[in-house]
Amino acid sequence: MAELRRMAELEFGRVETNPVAADPADAITRVATEEDADLIVVGSKSSDHGTRHLPSVPEAVMDKAACAALVV
């Protein structure tokens, strides 16, 4: 984790990590609320070779987020 954070900081500047043991969508939306985030960006990886279906975490984040959520 430390190495990934270092690499991200070199590329993007300030990076915060919030490792937690919780449901991923709940943790993401909770931290976004605590940080008063304007936008959550979450990745989606298609596993069905062409037909895009949102995995459960991005879908749940979009449903639960108090701010805008972008799935890429």
N, C-alpha and C. Protein backbone atom coordinates (compact mmCIF):
# COMPACT_ATOMS: atom_id res chain seq x y z
N MET A 1 0.82 -1.18 0.00
CA MET A 1 0.00 0.00 0.00
C MET A 1 0.87 1.25 0.00
N ALA A 2 1.93 1.26 0.77
CA ALA A 2 2.80 2.42 0.87
C ALA A 2 3.44 2.74 -0.48
N GLU A 3 3.85 1.72 -1.19
CA GLU A 3 4.47 1.94 -2.51
C GLU A 3 3.46 2.50 -3.51
N LEU A 4 2.24 1.98 -3.50
CA LEU A 4 1.20 2.51 -4.39
C LEU A 4 0.89 3.97 -4.06
N ARG A 5 0.84 4.27 -2.79
CA ARG A 5 0.58 5.66 -2.38
C ARG A 5 1.70 6.57 -2.87
N ARG A 6 2.94 6.16 -2.71
CA ARG A 6 4.09 6.95 -3.16
C ARG A 6 4.02 7.20 -4.66
N MET A 7 3.70 6.16 -5.42
CA MET A 7 3.60 6.30 -6.87
C MET A 7 2.47 7.26 -7.25
N ALA A 8 1.34 7.15 -6.58
CA ALA A 8 0.21 8.04 -6.87
C ALA A 8 0.54 9.48 -6.52
N GLU A 9 1.25 9.70 -5.43
CA GLU A 9 1.62 11.06 -5.04
C GLU A 9 2.58 11.68 -6.04
N LEU A 10 3.48 10.89 -6.60
CA LEU A 10 4.38 11.40 -7.62
C LEU A 10 3.60 11.85 -8.85
N GLU A 11 2.56 11.13 -9.18
CA GLU A 11 1.76 11.41 -10.38
C GLU A 11 0.71 12.50 -10.14
N PHE A 12 0.04 12.46 -8.99
CA PHE A 12 -1.14 13.30 -8.79
C PHE A 12 -1.01 14.33 -7.67
N GLY A 13 0.02 14.27 -6.86
CA GLY A 13 0.12 15.17 -5.72
C GLY A 13 -0.41 14.51 -4.46
N ARG A 14 -1.12 15.26 -3.65
CA ARG A 14 -1.61 14.76 -2.37
C ARG A 14 -2.56 13.58 -2.57
N VAL A 15 -2.32 12.52 -1.83
CA VAL A 15 -3.17 11.33 -1.87
C VAL A 15 -3.49 10.94 -0.43
N GLU A 16 -4.74 10.67 -0.16
CA GLU A 16 -5.14 10.16 1.15
C GLU A 16 -5.64 8.74 1.00
N THR A 17 -5.27 7.91 1.95
CA THR A 17 -5.79 6.54 1.98
C THR A 17 -6.58 6.37 3.27
N ASN A 18 -7.62 5.57 3.19
CA ASN A 18 -8.48 5.33 4.35
C ASN A 18 -8.81 3.84 4.42
N PRO A 19 -7.82 3.00 4.76
CA PRO A 19 -8.12 1.58 4.83
C PRO A 19 -9.08 1.28 5.98
N VAL A 20 -10.13 0.55 5.67
CA VAL A 20 -11.12 0.18 6.67
C VAL A 20 -11.59 -1.24 6.41
N ALA A 21 -12.08 -1.89 7.44
CA ALA A 21 -12.69 -3.21 7.29
C ALA A 21 -14.20 -3.01 7.31
N ALA A 22 -14.78 -2.85 6.13
CA ALA A 22 -16.22 -2.60 6.03
C ALA A 22 -16.68 -2.92 4.61
N ASP A 23 -17.97 -2.90 4.41
CA ASP A 23 -18.51 -3.03 3.07
C ASP A 23 -17.90 -1.91 2.22
N PRO A 24 -17.33 -2.21 1.05
CA PRO A 24 -16.65 -1.18 0.26
C PRO A 24 -17.52 0.03 -0.09
N ALA A 25 -18.75 -0.19 -0.52
CA ALA A 25 -19.61 0.93 -0.90
C ALA A 25 -19.94 1.78 0.32
N ASP A 26 -20.20 1.14 1.46
CA ASP A 26 -20.47 1.89 2.68
C ASP A 26 -19.26 2.71 3.10
N ALA A 27 -18.08 2.11 3.03
CA ALA A 27 -16.86 2.81 3.43
C ALA A 27 -16.58 3.99 2.50
N ILE A 28 -16.72 3.79 1.20
CA ILE A 28 -16.47 4.86 0.23
C ILE A 28 -17.41 6.03 0.45
N THR A 29 -18.69 5.75 0.60
CA THR A 29 -19.66 6.83 0.76
C THR A 29 -19.52 7.50 2.13
N ARG A 30 -19.16 6.74 3.16
CA ARG A 30 -18.96 7.34 4.49
C ARG A 30 -17.79 8.31 4.48
N VAL A 31 -16.66 7.89 3.89
CA VAL A 31 -15.50 8.77 3.83
C VAL A 31 -15.81 9.99 2.97
N ALA A 32 -16.51 9.81 1.87
CA ALA A 32 -16.88 10.94 1.03
C ALA A 32 -17.73 11.94 1.80
N THR A 33 -18.64 11.46 2.62
CA THR A 33 -19.48 12.34 3.44
C THR A 33 -18.64 13.05 4.50
N GLU A 34 -17.77 12.29 5.18
CA GLU A 34 -16.91 12.88 6.21
C GLU A 34 -15.99 13.95 5.64
N GLU A 35 -15.52 13.75 4.41
CA GLU A 35 -14.60 14.69 3.77
C GLU A 35 -15.33 15.78 2.99
N ASP A 36 -16.66 15.76 3.02
CA ASP A 36 -17.49 16.72 2.28
C ASP A 36 -17.10 16.73 0.79
N ALA A 37 -16.97 15.55 0.22
CA ALA A 37 -16.56 15.41 -1.17
C ALA A 37 -17.63 15.91 -2.13
N ASP A 38 -17.19 16.47 -3.23
CA ASP A 38 -18.09 16.91 -4.30
C ASP A 38 -18.33 15.80 -5.31
N LEU A 39 -17.37 14.88 -5.41
CA LEU A 39 -17.43 13.85 -6.45
C LEU A 39 -16.70 12.60 -5.98
N ILE A 40 -17.29 11.45 -6.25
CA ILE A 40 -16.64 10.15 -6.04
C ILE A 40 -16.41 9.57 -7.43
N VAL A 41 -15.18 9.16 -7.71
CA VAL A 41 -14.86 8.49 -8.96
C VAL A 41 -14.51 7.05 -8.62
N VAL A 42 -15.22 6.12 -9.24
CA VAL A 42 -15.02 4.70 -8.95
C VAL A 42 -14.91 3.95 -10.27
N GLY A 43 -14.03 2.97 -10.32
CA GLY A 43 -13.82 2.22 -11.55
C GLY A 43 -14.78 1.06 -11.71
N SER A 44 -15.00 0.71 -12.96
CA SER A 44 -15.84 -0.44 -13.29
C SER A 44 -15.11 -1.27 -14.33
N LYS A 45 -14.99 -2.53 -14.08
CA LYS A 45 -14.31 -3.42 -15.02
C LYS A 45 -15.33 -4.41 -15.57
N SER A 46 -15.49 -4.38 -16.87
CA SER A 46 -16.43 -5.30 -17.51
C SER A 46 -15.82 -6.69 -17.56
N SER A 47 -16.58 -7.68 -17.15
CA SER A 47 -16.06 -9.04 -17.17
C SER A 47 -16.81 -9.92 -18.17
N ASP A 48 -17.68 -9.29 -18.96
CA ASP A 48 -18.49 -10.10 -19.88
C ASP A 48 -18.15 -9.81 -21.35
N HIS A 49 -16.94 -9.30 -21.60
CA HIS A 49 -16.42 -9.13 -22.95
C HIS A 49 -17.32 -8.29 -23.86
N GLY A 50 -17.58 -7.06 -23.47
CA GLY A 50 -18.30 -6.17 -24.35
C GLY A 50 -19.57 -5.60 -23.79
N THR A 51 -20.37 -6.38 -23.14
CA THR A 51 -21.59 -5.87 -22.54
C THR A 51 -21.24 -5.35 -21.16
N ARG A 52 -21.43 -4.05 -20.93
CA ARG A 52 -21.04 -3.43 -19.66
C ARG A 52 -22.14 -3.60 -18.63
N HIS A 53 -21.79 -4.22 -17.53
CA HIS A 53 -22.67 -4.31 -16.37
C HIS A 53 -21.89 -3.73 -15.20
N LEU A 54 -22.51 -2.88 -14.43
CA LEU A 54 -21.81 -2.32 -13.28
C LEU A 54 -21.66 -3.37 -12.20
N PRO A 55 -20.43 -3.53 -11.71
CA PRO A 55 -20.26 -4.41 -10.56
C PRO A 55 -21.02 -3.84 -9.37
N SER A 56 -21.22 -4.63 -8.37
CA SER A 56 -22.07 -4.22 -7.26
C SER A 56 -21.52 -3.02 -6.50
N VAL A 57 -20.21 -2.88 -6.35
CA VAL A 57 -19.67 -1.74 -5.59
C VAL A 57 -19.96 -0.41 -6.27
N PRO A 58 -19.62 -0.21 -7.56
CA PRO A 58 -19.95 1.08 -8.18
C PRO A 58 -21.46 1.36 -8.19
N GLU A 59 -22.25 0.35 -8.42
CA GLU A 59 -23.70 0.53 -8.43
C GLU A 59 -24.19 0.97 -7.04
N ALA A 60 -23.68 0.33 -5.99
CA ALA A 60 -24.07 0.70 -4.63
C ALA A 60 -23.58 2.10 -4.27
N VAL A 61 -22.37 2.46 -4.70
CA VAL A 61 -21.86 3.80 -4.44
C VAL A 61 -22.77 4.83 -5.09
N MET A 62 -23.17 4.60 -6.32
CA MET A 62 -24.07 5.54 -7.00
C MET A 62 -25.39 5.66 -6.25
N ASP A 63 -25.89 4.58 -5.71
CA ASP A 63 -27.16 4.60 -4.98
C ASP A 63 -27.05 5.30 -3.62
N LYS A 64 -25.90 5.13 -2.94
CA LYS A 64 -25.76 5.60 -1.57
C LYS A 64 -25.11 6.97 -1.43
N ALA A 65 -24.41 7.43 -2.45
CA ALA A 65 -23.61 8.65 -2.33
C ALA A 65 -24.48 9.90 -2.15
N ALA A 66 -24.03 10.77 -1.26
CA ALA A 66 -24.70 12.06 -1.04
C ALA A 66 -24.22 13.10 -2.03
N CYS A 67 -23.15 12.78 -2.76
CA CYS A 67 -22.61 13.68 -3.77
C CYS A 67 -22.65 12.97 -5.13
N ALA A 68 -22.16 13.64 -6.16
CA ALA A 68 -22.12 13.02 -7.48
C ALA A 68 -21.15 11.84 -7.49
N ALA A 69 -21.45 10.85 -8.29
CA ALA A 69 -20.58 9.68 -8.44
C ALA A 69 -20.38 9.42 -9.92
N LEU A 70 -19.13 9.20 -10.31
CA LEU A 70 -18.77 8.94 -11.69
C LEU A 70 -18.14 7.56 -11.77
N VAL A 71 -18.69 6.72 -12.62
CA VAL A 71 -18.15 5.38 -12.82
C VAL A 71 -17.38 5.39 -14.13
N VAL A 72 -16.11 5.01 -14.08
CA VAL A 72 -15.26 4.97 -15.27
C VAL A 72 -14.75 3.59 -15.53
